[in-house]
PDB file of N, CA and C in Angstrom:
ATOM      1  N   MET A   1       0.892  -1.317  -0.226  1.00  0.00           N
ATOM      2  CA  MET A   1       0.006  -0.057   0.094  1.00  0.00           C
ATOM      3  C   MET A   1       0.834   1.130   0.025  1.00  0.00           C
ATOM      4  N   TYR A   2       2.006   1.535   0.662  1.00  0.00           N
ATOM      5  CA  TYR A   2       2.649   2.631   0.343  1.00  0.00           C
ATOM      6  C   TYR A   2       3.674   2.349  -0.629  1.00  0.00           C
ATOM      7  N   GLY A   3       3.583   1.579  -1.205  1.00  0.00           N
ATOM      8  CA  GLY A   3       4.245   1.817  -2.221  1.00  0.00           C
ATOM      9  C   GLY A   3       3.094   2.435  -3.774  1.00  0.00           C
ATOM     10  N   HIS A   4       2.438   2.013  -3.566  1.00  0.00           N
ATOM     11  CA  HIS A   4       0.970   3.127  -4.351  1.00  0.00           C
ATOM     12  C   HIS A   4       0.807   4.090  -3.786  1.00  0.00           C
ATOM     13  N   SER A   5       0.880   4.191  -2.600  1.00  0.00           N
ATOM     14  CA  SER A   5       1.029   6.011  -2.110  1.00  0.00           C
ATOM     15  C   SER A   5       1.890   6.584  -2.893  1.00  0.00           C
ATOM     16  N   LEU A   6       3.197   6.147  -3.040  1.00  0.00           N
ATOM     17  CA  LEU A   6       4.140   6.985  -3.316  1.00  0.00           C
ATOM     18  C   LEU A   6       4.259   7.336  -5.062  1.00  0.00           C
ATOM     19  N   TYR A   7       3.790   6.170  -5.348  1.00  0.00           N
ATOM     20  CA  TYR A   7       3.541   5.733  -7.071  1.00  0.00           C
ATOM     21  C   TYR A   7       2.500   7.262  -7.468  1.00  0.00           C
ATOM     22  N   LEU A   8       1.567   7.122  -6.460  1.00  0.00           N
ATOM     23  CA  LEU A   8       0.385   8.134  -6.401  1.00  0.00           C
ATOM     24  C   LEU A   8       1.012   9.823  -6.701  1.00  0.00           C
ATOM     25  N   LYS A   9       1.393   9.741  -5.788  1.00  0.00           N
ATOM     26  CA  LYS A   9       2.176  11.057  -5.106  1.00  0.00           C
ATOM     27  C   LYS A   9       3.172  12.143  -6.217  1.00  0.00           C
ATOM     28  N   PHE A  10       4.179  10.876  -7.056  1.00  0.00           N
ATOM     29  CA  PHE A  10       4.664  10.743  -8.130  1.00  0.00           C
ATOM     30  C   PHE A  10       4.482  11.403  -8.928  1.00  0.00           C
ATOM     31  N   TYR A  11       3.303  11.110  -9.397  1.00  0.00           N
ATOM     32  CA  TYR A  11       2.172  10.747 -10.511  1.00  0.00           C
ATOM     33  C   TYR A  11       1.653  12.249 -10.173  1.00  0.00           C
ATOM     34  N   MET A  12       0.707  12.561  -9.161  1.00  0.00           N
ATOM     35  CA  MET A  12       0.388  13.782  -9.547  1.00  0.00           C
ATOM     36  C   MET A  12       1.473  14.941  -9.556  1.00  0.00           C
ATOM     37  N   GLU A  13       2.426  15.056  -8.666  1.00  0.00           N
ATOM     38  CA  GLU A  13       3.648  16.314  -9.176  1.00  0.00           C
ATOM     39  C   GLU A  13       3.975  16.272 -10.123  1.00  0.00           C
ATOM     40  N   ASN A  14       3.721  15.235 -11.069  1.00  0.00           N
ATOM     41  CA  ASN A  14       4.753  15.229 -12.298  1.00  0.00           C
ATOM     42  C   ASN A  14       3.598  15.330 -13.243  1.00  0.00           C
ATOM     43  N   TYR A  15       2.344  14.981 -13.102  1.00  0.00           N
ATOM     44  CA  TYR A  15       1.480  15.072 -14.243  1.00  0.00           C
ATOM     45  C   TYR A  15       0.044  15.482 -13.886  1.00  0.00           C
ATOM     46  N   GLY A  16      -0.261  15.402 -12.971  1.00  0.00           N
ATOM     47  CA  GLY A  16      -1.176  15.811 -12.205  1.00  0.00           C
ATOM     48  C   GLY A  16      -1.833  17.399 -12.969  1.00  0.00           C
ATOM     49  N   LYS A  17      -0.928  18.152 -13.165  1.00  0.00           N
ATOM     50  CA  LYS A  17      -0.913  19.536 -13.281  1.00  0.00           C
ATOM     51  C   LYS A  17      -1.993  19.507 -14.953  1.00  0.00           C
ATOM     52  N   THR A  18      -1.307  18.347 -15.802  1.00  0.00           N
ATOM     53  CA  THR A  18      -1.364  18.270 -17.242  1.00  0.00           C
ATOM     54  C   THR A  18      -2.910  17.318 -16.949  1.00  0.00           C
ATOM     55  N   ILE A  19      -3.068  16.474 -15.984  1.00  0.00           N
ATOM     56  CA  ILE A  19      -4.266  15.865 -15.992  1.00  0.00           C
ATOM     57  C   ILE A  19      -5.300  17.340 -15.875  1.00  0.00           C
ATOM     58  N   THR A  20      -5.445  17.941 -14.978  1.00  0.00           N
ATOM     59  CA  THR A  20      -6.016  19.168 -14.489  1.00  0.00           C
ATOM     60  C   THR A  20      -6.484  20.329 -15.504  1.00  0.00           C
ATOM     61  N   GLU A  21      -5.232  20.189 -16.205  1.00  0.00           N
ATOM     62  CA  GLU A  21      -6.278  20.949 -17.264  1.00  0.00           C
ATOM     63  C   GLU A  21      -6.599  20.509 -18.569  1.00  0.00           C
ATOM     64  N   SER A  22      -6.285  19.367 -18.656  1.00  0.00           N
ATOM     65  CA  SER A  22      -6.844  18.563 -20.059  1.00  0.00           C
ATOM     66  C   SER A  22      -8.414  18.455 -19.443  1.00  0.00           C
ATOM     67  N   LEU A  23      -8.688  18.100 -18.140  1.00  0.00           N
ATOM     68  CA  LEU A  23     -10.129  18.234 -17.815  1.00  0.00           C
ATOM     69  C   LEU A  23     -10.809  19.233 -17.670  1.00  0.00           C
ATOM     70  N   LYS A  24      -9.770  20.349 -17.507  1.00  0.00           N
ATOM     71  CA  LYS A  24     -10.721  21.546 -17.753  1.00  0.00           C
ATOM     72  C   LYS A  24     -11.074  21.970 -18.870  1.00  0.00           C
ATOM     73  N   ARG A  25      -9.987  22.229 -20.271  1.00  0.00           N
ATOM     74  CA  ARG A  25     -10.451  22.118 -21.403  1.00  0.00           C
ATOM     75  C   ARG A  25     -11.432  20.999 -22.271  1.00  0.00           C
ATOM     76  N   GLN A  26     -11.517  19.745 -21.458  1.00  0.00           N
ATOM     77  CA  GLN A  26     -12.925  19.183 -22.015  1.00  0.00           C
ATOM     78  C   GLN A  26     -13.990  19.786 -21.364  1.00  0.00           C
ATOM     79  N   GLU A  27     -14.161  19.673 -20.178  1.00  0.00           N
ATOM     80  CA  GLU A  27     -15.300  20.730 -19.688  1.00  0.00           C
ATOM     81  C   GLU A  27     -16.067  21.758 -20.643  1.00  0.00           C
ATOM     82  N   ALA A  28     -14.888  22.707 -20.714  1.00  0.00           N
ATOM     83  CA  ALA A  28     -15.373  23.997 -21.316  1.00  0.00           C
ATOM     84  C   ALA A  28     -15.594  23.278 -22.942  1.00  0.00           C
ATOM     85  N   ARG A  29     -15.009  22.218 -23.690  1.00  0.00           N
ATOM     86  CA  ARG A  29     -15.886  22.060 -24.807  1.00  0.00           C
ATOM     87  C   ARG A  29     -16.828  21.484 -24.488  1.00  0.00           C
ATOM     88  N   VAL A  30     -17.356  20.557 -23.610  1.00  0.00           N
ATOM     89  CA  VAL A  30     -18.670  19.941 -23.160  1.00  0.00           C
ATOM     90  C   VAL A  30     -19.307  20.790 -23.123  1.00  0.00           C
ATOM     91  N   GLU A  31     -19.133  22.322 -22.540  1.00  0.00           N
ATOM     92  CA  GLU A  31     -20.138  23.470 -22.406  1.00  0.00           C
ATOM     93  C   GLU A  31     -20.137  23.855 -23.423  1.00  0.00           C
ATOM     94  N   GLU A  32     -19.364  24.220 -24.042  1.00  0.00           N
ATOM     95  CA  GLU A  32     -19.636  24.912 -25.711  1.00  0.00           C
ATOM     96  C   GLU A  32     -20.709  23.989 -26.642  1.00  0.00           C
ATOM     97  N   GLU A  33     -20.448  23.059 -26.351  1.00  0.00           N
ATOM     98  CA  GLU A  33     -21.230  21.944 -27.414  1.00  0.00           C
ATOM     99  C   GLU A  33     -22.598  22.049 -27.242  1.00  0.00           C
ATOM    100  N   THR A  34     -22.669  21.847 -25.779  1.00  0.00           N
ATOM    101  CA  THR A  34     -24.148  21.852 -25.063  1.00  0.00           C
ATOM    102  C   THR A  34     -24.686  23.605 -25.667  1.00  0.00           C
ATOM    103  N   LEU A  35     -23.972  24.015 -25.086  1.00  0.00           N
ATOM    104  CA  LEU A  35     -24.787  26.072 -25.567  1.00  0.00           C
ATOM    105  C   LEU A  35     -24.727  25.600 -26.668  1.00  0.00           C
ATOM    106  N   LYS A  36     -24.257  25.343 -27.644  1.00  0.00           N
ATOM    107  CA  LYS A  36     -24.616  25.237 -29.439  1.00  0.00           C
ATOM    108  C   LYS A  36     -25.847  24.225 -29.648  1.00  0.00           C
ATOM    109  N   TRP A  37     -25.696  23.652 -29.110  1.00  0.00           N
ATOM    110  CA  TRP A  37     -27.495  22.361 -29.332  1.00  0.00           C
ATOM    111  C   TRP A  37     -28.381  23.039 -28.597  1.00  0.00           C
ATOM    112  N   MET A  38     -28.139  23.592 -27.352  1.00  0.00           N
ATOM    113  CA  MET A  38     -29.465  24.302 -26.780  1.00  0.00           C
ATOM    114  C   MET A  38     -29.945  25.462 -27.327  1.00  0.00           C
ATOM    115  N   THR A  39     -28.831  25.721 -27.816  1.00  0.00           N
ATOM    116  CA  THR A  39     -29.527  27.622 -28.644  1.00  0.00           C
ATOM    117  C   THR A  39     -30.146  26.725 -29.903  1.00  0.00           C
ATOM    118  N   LYS A  40     -29.714  25.873 -30.599  1.00  0.00           N
ATOM    119  CA  LYS A  40     -30.733  25.491 -31.806  1.00  0.00           C
ATOM    120  C   LYS A  40     -31.592  24.809 -31.557  1.00  0.00           C
ATOM    121  N   SER A  41     -32.051  24.343 -30.213  1.00  0.00           N
ATOM    122  CA  SER A  41     -33.045  24.010 -29.136  1.00  0.00           C
ATOM    123  C   SER A  41     -33.895  24.928 -29.425  1.00  0.00           C
ATOM    124  N   ALA A  42     -33.848  25.991 -28.505  1.00  0.00           N
ATOM    125  CA  ALA A  42     -34.454  26.763 -28.309  1.00  0.00           C
ATOM    126  C   ALA A  42     -34.450  27.910 -29.412  1.00  0.00           C
ATOM    127  N   ASN A  43     -33.679  27.888 -30.318  1.00  0.00           N
ATOM    128  CA  ASN A  43     -34.380  28.644 -31.436  1.00  0.00           C
ATOM    129  C   ASN A  43     -35.568  28.198 -32.306  1.00  0.00           C
ATOM    130  N   GLN A  44     -35.546  26.773 -32.307  1.00  0.00           N
ATOM    131  CA  GLN A  44     -36.680  25.951 -32.792  1.00  0.00           C
ATOM    132  C   GLN A  44     -37.851  26.316 -32.172  1.00  0.00           C
ATOM    133  N   GLY A  45     -37.815  26.520 -30.736  1.00  0.00           N
ATOM    134  CA  GLY A  45     -38.890  26.703 -30.316  1.00  0.00           C
ATOM    135  C   GLY A  45     -39.322  25.318 -28.734  1.00  0.00           C
ATOM    136  N   TYR A  46     -38.374  24.542 -28.308  1.00  0.00           N
ATOM    137  CA  TYR A  46     -38.298  23.884 -27.431  1.00  0.00           C
ATOM    138  C   TYR A  46     -38.410  24.557 -26.602  1.00  0.00           C
ATOM    139  N   ALA A  47     -38.923  24.000 -25.539  1.00  0.00           N
ATOM    140  CA  ALA A  47     -39.192  24.474 -23.950  1.00  0.00           C
ATOM    141  C   ALA A  47     -38.174  24.553 -23.360  1.00  0.00           C
ATOM    142  N   GLY A  48     -37.568  22.877 -23.643  1.00  0.00           N
ATOM    143  CA  GLY A  48     -36.198  22.674 -22.638  1.00  0.00           C
ATOM    144  C   GLY A  48     -35.167  23.197 -23.040  1.00  0.00           C
ATOM    145  N   GLY A  49     -34.834  23.835 -24.239  1.00  0.00           N
ATOM    146  CA  GLY A  49     -33.509  24.472 -24.695  1.00  0.00           C
ATOM    147  C   GLY A  49     -33.581  26.255 -24.339  1.00  0.00           C
ATOM    148  N   GLN A  50     -34.827  26.286 -24.265  1.00  0.00           N
ATOM    149  CA  GLN A  50     -35.118  27.910 -23.980  1.00  0.00           C
ATOM    150  C   GLN A  50     -35.227  27.931 -22.438  1.00  0.00           C
ATOM    151  N   SER A  51     -35.710  27.095 -21.854  1.00  0.00           N
ATOM    152  CA  SER A  51     -35.319  26.854 -20.048  1.00  0.00           C
ATOM    153  C   SER A  51     -33.870  27.012 -19.718  1.00  0.00           C
ATOM    154  N   TYR A  52     -33.083  25.775 -20.504  1.00  0.00           N
ATOM    155  CA  TYR A  52     -31.542  25.978 -20.142  1.00  0.00           C
ATOM    156  C   TYR A  52     -30.806  26.996 -20.277  1.00  0.00           C
ATOM    157  N   LEU A  53     -31.025  28.161 -21.916  1.00  0.00           N
ATOM    158  CA  LEU A  53     -30.848  29.450 -21.783  1.00  0.00           C
ATOM    159  C   LEU A  53     -31.107  29.662 -20.869  1.00  0.00           C
ATOM    160  N   GLY A  54     -32.005  30.201 -20.753  1.00  0.00           N
ATOM    161  CA  GLY A  54     -32.908  30.676 -19.486  1.00  0.00           C
ATOM    162  C   GLY A  54     -31.899  30.997 -17.930  1.00  0.00           C
ATOM    163  N   GLY A  55     -31.857  29.864 -17.689  1.00  0.00           N
ATOM    164  CA  GLY A  55     -30.772  29.397 -16.532  1.00  0.00           C
ATOM    165  C   GLY A  55     -29.447  30.042 -16.965  1.00  0.00           C
ATOM    166  N   TYR A  56     -28.959  29.736 -17.660  1.00  0.00           N
ATOM    167  CA  TYR A  56     -26.973  30.097 -18.170  1.00  0.00           C
ATOM    168  C   TYR A  56     -27.258  31.609 -18.542  1.00  0.00           C
ATOM    169  N   PHE A  57     -27.985  32.444 -18.919  1.00  0.00           N
ATOM    170  CA  PHE A  57     -27.480  33.743 -18.955  1.00  0.00           C
ATOM    171  C   PHE A  57     -28.168  34.185 -17.757  1.00  0.00           C
ATOM    172  N   MET A  58     -29.238  33.686 -16.678  1.00  0.00           N
ATOM    173  CA  MET A  58     -29.390  34.683 -15.315  1.00  0.00           C
ATOM    174  C   MET A  58     -28.118  33.988 -14.465  1.00  0.00           C
ATOM    175  N   GLU A  59     -27.224  32.923 -14.677  1.00  0.00           N
ATOM    176  CA  GLU A  59     -26.294  32.658 -13.343  1.00  0.00           C
ATOM    177  C   GLU A  59     -25.207  33.412 -13.724  1.00  0.00           C
ATOM    178  N   GLY A  60     -24.723  33.182 -14.870  1.00  0.00           N
ATOM    179  CA  GLY A  60     -23.410  33.724 -15.469  1.00  0.00           C
ATOM    180  C   GLY A  60     -22.090  33.067 -14.732  1.00  0.00           C
ATOM    181  N   ASP A  61     -21.326  33.386 -14.825  1.00  0.00           N
ATOM    182  CA  ASP A  61     -20.199  32.024 -14.258  1.00  0.00           C
ATOM    183  C   ASP A  61     -18.374  33.020 -14.190  1.00  0.00           C
ATOM    184  N   ASP A  62     -18.469  33.256 -12.461  1.00  0.00           N
ATOM    185  CA  ASP A  62     -17.436  34.150 -12.443  1.00  0.00           C
ATOM    186  C   ASP A  62     -16.288  33.560 -12.595  1.00  0.00           C
ATOM    187  N   ALA A  63     -16.214  32.486 -12.625  1.00  0.00           N
ATOM    188  CA  ALA A  63     -14.756  31.953 -12.659  1.00  0.00           C
ATOM    189  C   ALA A  63     -14.462  31.909 -14.196  1.00  0.00           C
ATOM    190  N   LYS A  64     -15.474  32.150 -15.558  1.00  0.00           N
ATOM    191  CA  LYS A  64     -15.063  32.184 -16.557  1.00  0.00           C
ATOM    192  C   LYS A  64     -15.259  33.946 -17.244  1.00  0.00           C
ATOM    193  N   ASN A  65     -15.565  34.617 -15.714  1.00  0.00           N
ATOM    194  CA  ASN A  65     -15.657  36.072 -15.991  1.00  0.00           C
ATOM    195  C   ASN A  65     -16.876  36.428 -16.903  1.00  0.00           C
ATOM    196  N   ARG A  66     -17.882  36.038 -16.985  1.00  0.00           N
ATOM    197  CA  ARG A  66     -19.217  35.769 -17.655  1.00  0.00           C
ATOM    198  C   ARG A  66     -20.270  36.126 -16.668  1.00  0.00           C
ATOM    199  N   GLN A  67     -20.874  37.300 -17.019  1.00  0.00           N
ATOM    200  CA  GLN A  67     -21.863  38.119 -16.055  1.00  0.00           C
ATOM    201  C   GLN A  67     -22.931  37.445 -16.321  1.00  0.00           C
ATOM    202  N   PRO A  68     -23.808  37.713 -15.839  1.00  0.00           N
ATOM    203  CA  PRO A  68     -25.201  37.115 -15.897  1.00  0.00           C
ATOM    204  C   PRO A  68     -25.581  38.265 -16.911  1.00  0.00           C
ATOM    205  N   ASP A  69     -27.103  37.940 -17.662  1.00  0.00           N
ATOM    206  CA  ASP A  69     -27.158  39.041 -18.843  1.00  0.00           C
ATOM    207  C   ASP A  69     -29.030  38.383 -18.450  1.00  0.00           C
ATOM    208  N   TYR A  70     -29.975  39.274 -17.399  1.00  0.00           N
ATOM    209  CA  TYR A  70     -30.705  39.446 -17.210  1.00  0.00           C
ATOM    210  C   TYR A  70     -31.538  39.665 -17.968  1.00  0.00           C
ATOM    211  N   VAL A  71     -31.748  40.161 -19.062  1.00  0.00           N
ATOM    212  CA  VAL A  71     -32.567  40.385 -19.910  1.00  0.00           C
ATOM    213  C   VAL A  71     -32.724  39.238 -21.069  1.00  0.00           C
ATOM    214  N   LEU A  72     -31.348  38.727 -21.418  1.00  0.00           N
ATOM    215  CA  LEU A  72     -31.354  37.764 -22.559  1.00  0.00           C
ATOM    216  C   LEU A  72     -32.029  36.356 -21.483  1.00  0.00           C
ATOM    217  N   GLY A  73     -31.638  36.366 -20.131  1.00  0.00           N
ATOM    218  CA  GLY A  73     -32.225  35.458 -19.301  1.00  0.00           C
ATOM    219  C   GLY A  73     -33.630  35.143 -19.356  1.00  0.00           C
ATOM    220  N   LEU A  74     -34.080  36.102 -19.153  1.00  0.00           N
ATOM    221  CA  LEU A  74     -35.496  36.739 -18.724  1.00  0.00           C
ATOM    222  C   LEU A  74     -36.408  35.712 -20.183  1.00  0.00           C
ATOM    223  N   MET A  75     -35.852  36.819 -21.273  1.00  0.00           N
ATOM    224  CA  MET A  75     -36.588  36.501 -22.689  1.00  0.00           C
ATOM    225  C   MET A  75     -36.640  34.733 -22.792  1.00  0.00           C
ATOM    226  N   TRP A  76     -35.570  33.926 -22.329  1.00  0.00           N
ATOM    227  CA  TRP A  76     -35.907  32.645 -22.834  1.00  0.00           C
ATOM    228  C   TRP A  76     -37.049  32.020 -21.883  1.00  0.00           C
ATOM    229  N   THR A  77     -36.571  32.293 -20.472  1.00  0.00           N
ATOM    230  CA  THR A  77     -37.706  32.049 -19.752  1.00  0.00           C
ATOM    231  C   THR A  77     -38.908  32.134 -19.971  1.00  0.00           C
ATOM    232  N   ILE A  78     -39.204  33.482 -20.319  1.00  0.00           N
ATOM    233  CA  ILE A  78     -40.782  33.670 -20.487  1.00  0.00           C
ATOM    234  C   ILE A  78     -40.820  32.832 -22.073  1.00  0.00           C
ATOM    235  N   LEU A  79     -40.230  32.933 -22.553  1.00  0.00           N
ATOM    236  CA  LEU A  79     -40.562  31.508 -23.815  1.00  0.00           C
ATOM    237  C   LEU A  79     -40.916  30.493 -23.471  1.00  0.00           C
ATOM    238  N   ALA A  80     -40.095  29.962 -22.521  1.00  0.00           N
ATOM    239  CA  ALA A  80     -40.498  28.491 -22.466  1.00  0.00           C
ATOM    240  C   ALA A  80     -41.297  28.310 -21.075  1.00  0.00           C
ATOM    241  N   GLU A  81     -41.991  29.216 -20.260  1.00  0.00           N
ATOM    242  CA  GLU A  81     -42.773  29.277 -19.516  1.00  0.00           C
ATOM    243  C   GLU A  81     -44.049  29.347 -20.593  1.00  0.00           C
ATOM    244  N   SER A  82     -44.322  30.473 -21.219  1.00  0.00           N
ATOM    245  CA  SER A  82     -44.808  30.588 -22.263  1.00  0.00           C
ATOM    246  C   SER A  82     -45.744  29.268 -22.964  1.00  0.00           C
ATOM    247  N   GLN A  83     -44.896  28.438 -22.575  1.00  0.00           N
ATOM    248  CA  GLN A  83     -45.304  27.120 -23.594  1.00  0.00           C
ATOM    249  C   GLN A  83     -46.373  26.364 -22.355  1.00  0.00           C
ATOM    250  N   ARG A  84     -45.951  26.790 -21.181  1.00  0.00           N
ATOM    251  CA  ARG A  84     -47.006  25.684 -20.348  1.00  0.00           C
ATOM    252  C   ARG A  84     -48.130  25.790 -20.315  1.00  0.00           C
ATOM    253  N   SER A  85     -48.906  24.959 -19.935  1.00  0.00           N
ATOM    254  CA  SER A  85     -50.649  25.416 -19.631  1.00  0.00           C
ATOM    255  C   SER A  85     -50.993  26.073 -18.686  1.00  0.00           C
ATOM    256  N   GLU A  86     -50.180  25.941 -17.260  1.00  0.00           N
ATOM    257  CA  GLU A  86     -50.676  27.029 -16.575  1.00  0.00           C
ATOM    258  C   GLU A  86     -50.548  28.333 -16.936  1.00  0.00           C
ATOM    259  N   LYS A  87     -52.328  29.401 -17.052  1.00  0.00           N
ATOM    260  CA  LYS A  87     -52.091  30.718 -17.300  1.00  0.00           C
ATOM    261  C   LYS A  87     -51.183  31.441 -16.952  1.00  0.00           C
ATOM    262  N   ASP A  88     -51.152  31.498 -15.586  1.00  0.00           N
ATOM    263  CA  ASP A  88     -49.883  32.274 -14.723  1.00  0.00           C
ATOM    264  C   ASP A  88     -49.122  32.383 -14.705  1.00  0.00           C
ATOM    265  N   SER A  89     -48.238  31.416 -15.470  1.00  0.00           N
ATOM    266  CA  SER A  89     -46.769  30.701 -15.180  1.00  0.00           C
ATOM    267  C   SER A  89     -45.853  31.663 -15.531  1.00  0.00           C
ATOM    268  N   VAL A  90     -45.843  32.184 -16.743  1.00  0.00           N
ATOM    269  CA  VAL A  90     -45.054  33.559 -16.833  1.00  0.00           C
ATOM    270  C   VAL A  90     -44.971  34.660 -16.063  1.00  0.00           C
ATOM    271  N   GLU A  91     -46.121  34.834 -15.615  1.00  0.00           N
ATOM    272  CA  GLU A  91     -45.827  35.558 -14.183  1.00  0.00           C
ATOM    273  C   GLU A  91     -45.059  35.779 -13.376  1.00  0.00           C
ATOM    274  N   SER A  92     -45.667  33.885 -12.493  1.00  0.00           N
ATOM    275  CA  SER A  92     -44.864  33.615 -11.730  1.00  0.00           C
ATOM    276  C   SER A  92     -43.370  33.186 -11.850  1.00  0.00           C
ATOM    277  N   ALA A  93     -42.887  33.045 -12.719  1.00  0.00           N
ATOM    278  CA  ALA A  93     -41.273  32.576 -12.968  1.00  0.00           C
ATOM    279  C   ALA A  93     -40.701  34.500 -12.956  1.00  0.00           C
ATOM    280  N   ILE A  94     -41.509  35.066 -13.603  1.00  0.00           N
ATOM    281  CA  ILE A  94     -41.167  36.541 -13.228  1.00  0.00           C
ATOM    282  C   ILE A  94     -40.516  37.095 -12.413  1.00  0.00           C
ATOM    283  N   GLU A  95     -42.073  36.916 -11.272  1.00  0.00           N
ATOM    284  CA  GLU A  95     -41.491  36.839  -9.713  1.00  0.00           C
ATOM    285  C   GLU A  95     -40.792  36.038  -9.295  1.00  0.00           C
ATOM    286  N   GLU A  96     -40.413  35.062  -9.328  1.00  0.00           N
ATOM    287  CA  GLU A  96     -39.622  34.600  -9.134  1.00  0.00           C
ATOM    288  C   GLU A  96     -37.603  35.086  -9.243  1.00  0.00           C
ATOM    289  N   LEU A  97     -37.586  35.325 -10.386  1.00  0.00           N
ATOM    290  CA  LEU A  97     -36.719  35.736 -11.133  1.00  0.00           C
ATOM    291  C   LEU A  97     -36.493  37.046 -10.540  1.00  0.00           C
ATOM    292  N   ARG A  98     -37.443  37.831 -10.426  1.00  0.00           N
ATOM    293  CA  ARG A  98     -37.256  39.066  -9.923  1.00  0.00           C
ATOM    294  C   ARG A  98     -36.852  39.064  -8.243  1.00  0.00           C
ATOM    295  N   TYR A  99     -37.377  38.244  -7.337  1.00  0.00           N
ATOM    296  CA  TYR A  99     -37.326  37.829  -6.068  1.00  0.00           C
ATOM    297  C   TYR A  99     -35.338  37.123  -6.417  1.00  0.00           C
ATOM    298  N   ASN A 100     -35.038  36.466  -6.977  1.00  0.00           N
ATOM    299  CA  ASN A 100     -33.586  35.561  -6.905  1.00  0.00           C
ATOM    300  C   ASN A 100     -32.904  36.354  -7.170  1.00  0.00           C
ATOM    301  N   PHE A 101     -32.727  37.114  -8.075  1.00  0.00           N
ATOM    302  CA  PHE A 101     -31.610  37.537  -9.063  1.00  0.00           C
ATOM    303  C   PHE A 101     -32.034  39.223  -8.708  1.00  0.00           C
ATOM    304  N   LYS A 102     -32.984  40.099  -8.153  1.00  0.00           N
ATOM    305  CA  LYS A 102     -33.247  41.653  -8.194  1.00  0.00           C
ATOM    306  C   LYS A 102     -33.323  41.957  -9.199  1.00  0.00           C
ATOM    307  N   VAL A 103     -33.813  41.269 -10.209  1.00  0.00           N
ATOM    308  CA  VAL A 103     -34.277  41.743 -11.722  1.00  0.00           C
ATOM    309  C   VAL A 103     -34.853  42.946 -11.550  1.00  0.00           C
ATOM    310  N   SER A 104     -34.537  43.901 -12.405  1.00  0.00           N
ATOM    311  CA  SER A 104     -35.143  45.771 -12.316  1.00  0.00           C
ATOM    312  C   SER A 104     -36.297  45.458 -13.163  1.00  0.00           C
ATOM    313  N   ASP A 105     -37.145  46.387 -12.929  1.00  0.00           N
ATOM    314  CA  ASP A 105     -38.264  46.848 -13.646  1.00  0.00           C
ATOM    315  C   ASP A 105     -38.473  46.779 -15.488  1.00  0.00           C
ATOM    316  N   GLU A 106     -37.176  47.839 -15.673  1.00  0.00           N
ATOM    317  CA  GLU A 106     -36.201  48.134 -16.993  1.00  0.00           C
ATOM    318  C   GLU A 106     -36.165  46.501 -17.454  1.00  0.00           C
ATOM    319  N   GLU A 107     -35.774  45.630 -16.798  1.00  0.00           N
ATOM    320  CA  GLU A 107     -34.760  44.304 -17.567  1.00  0.00           C
ATOM    321  C   GLU A 107     -35.943  43.719 -17.704  1.00  0.00           C
ATOM    322  N   ILE A 108     -37.104  43.453 -16.861  1.00  0.00           N
ATOM    323  CA  ILE A 108     -38.399  42.872 -17.754  1.00  0.00           C
ATOM    324  C   ILE A 108     -38.973  43.443 -18.523  1.00  0.00           C
ATOM    325  N   LYS A 109     -39.195  44.885 -18.547  1.00  0.00           N
ATOM    326  CA  LYS A 109     -39.773  45.291 -19.747  1.00  0.00           C
ATOM    327  C   LYS A 109     -39.206  44.804 -21.130  1.00  0.00           C
ATOM    328  N   LYS A 110     -37.895  45.102 -21.155  1.00  0.00           N
ATOM    329  CA  LYS A 110     -37.076  44.700 -22.485  1.00  0.00           C
ATOM    330  C   LYS A 110     -37.166  43.310 -22.505  1.00  0.00           C
ATOM    331  N   ALA A 111     -36.825  42.136 -21.569  1.00  0.00           N
ATOM    332  CA  ALA A 111     -37.003  41.172 -21.911  1.00  0.00           C
ATOM    333  C   ALA A 111     -38.570  40.942 -22.246  1.00  0.00           C
ATOM    334  N   LYS A 112     -39.939  41.051 -22.040  1.00  0.00           N
ATOM    335  CA  LYS A 112     -40.779  40.945 -22.265  1.00  0.00           C
ATOM    336  C   LYS A 112     -41.068  41.145 -23.939  1.00  0.00           C
ATOM    337  N   THR A 113     -39.939  42.577 -24.217  1.00  0.00           N
ATOM    338  CA  THR A 113     -40.047  42.717 -25.645  1.00  0.00           C
ATOM    339  C   THR A 113     -39.222  41.958 -26.496  1.00  0.00           C
ATOM    340  N   LEU A 114     -38.601  41.658 -26.352  1.00  0.00           N
ATOM    341  CA  LEU A 114     -38.021  40.722 -27.120  1.00  0.00           C
ATOM    342  C   LEU A 114     -38.640  39.398 -27.297  1.00  0.00           C
ATOM    343  N   ALA A 115     -39.230  39.005 -26.473  1.00  0.00           N
ATOM    344  CA  ALA A 115     -40.224  37.307 -26.266  1.00  0.00           C
ATOM    345  C   ALA A 115     -41.082  37.451 -27.306  1.00  0.00           C
ATOM    346  N   ARG A 116     -41.478  38.706 -27.257  1.00  0.00           N
ATOM    347  CA  ARG A 116     -42.865  39.333 -28.059  1.00  0.00           C
ATOM    348  C   ARG A 116     -41.847  39.082 -29.491  1.00  0.00           C
ATOM    349  N   ALA A 117     -41.161  39.967 -29.426  1.00  0.00           N
ATOM    350  CA  ALA A 117     -40.377  40.257 -31.083  1.00  0.00           C
ATOM    351  C   ALA A 117     -40.061  38.667 -31.445  1.00  0.00           C
ATOM    352  N   TRP A 118     -39.558  37.823 -30.566  1.00  0.00           N
ATOM    353  CA  TRP A 118     -39.129  36.271 -30.770  1.00  0.00           C
ATOM    354  C   TRP A 118     -40.501  36.126 -31.502  1.00  0.00           C
ATOM    355  N   HIS A 119     -41.624  35.832 -31.160  1.00  0.00           N
ATOM    356  CA  HIS A 119     -42.908  35.236 -31.635  1.00  0.00           C
ATOM    357  C   HIS A 119     -43.336  35.586 -32.873  1.00  0.00           C
ATOM    358  N   VAL A 120     -43.174  36.699 -32.681  1.00  0.00           N
ATOM    359  CA  VAL A 120     -43.464  37.304 -34.508  1.00  0.00           C
ATOM    360  C   VAL A 120     -42.651  36.656 -35.435  1.00  0.00           C
ATOM    361  N   ALA A 121     -41.263  37.335 -34.983  1.00  0.00           N
ATOM    362  CA  ALA A 121     -40.097  36.492 -35.936  1.00  0.00           C
ATOM    363  C   ALA A 121     -40.453  35.049 -36.232  1.00  0.00           C
ATOM    364  N   LYS A 122     -40.859  34.620 -35.458  1.00  0.00           N
ATOM    365  CA  LYS A 122     -41.353  32.789 -35.928  1.00  0.00           C
ATOM    366  C   LYS A 122     -42.276  32.470 -36.842  1.00  0.00           C
TER     367      LYS A 122
END
């Protein structure tokens, strides 16, 4: 068991950075590919893709210096929620995001305008 621990320590000291960097690159490629396909899905009107993009833009990513974009996040969320059967699901989602992310009335107004324009363009 002791020899195995020494081997593992030697391996991580000499090759661990390479493995970690490789995993980070692979993770970035997977995220990029996921975003590509979810965007295609969302643009075709699928609620799952729209919901994914809503969360993606609302969250941002500190590690990648990607700031949240509440207007785009809300727009995609509005489009996804508008496909639900519940009459007030859009307004419920907006209120939840307003509370959780401190979204302004101006951002909500812009997102609603973009969502309407998206519907018209389709």
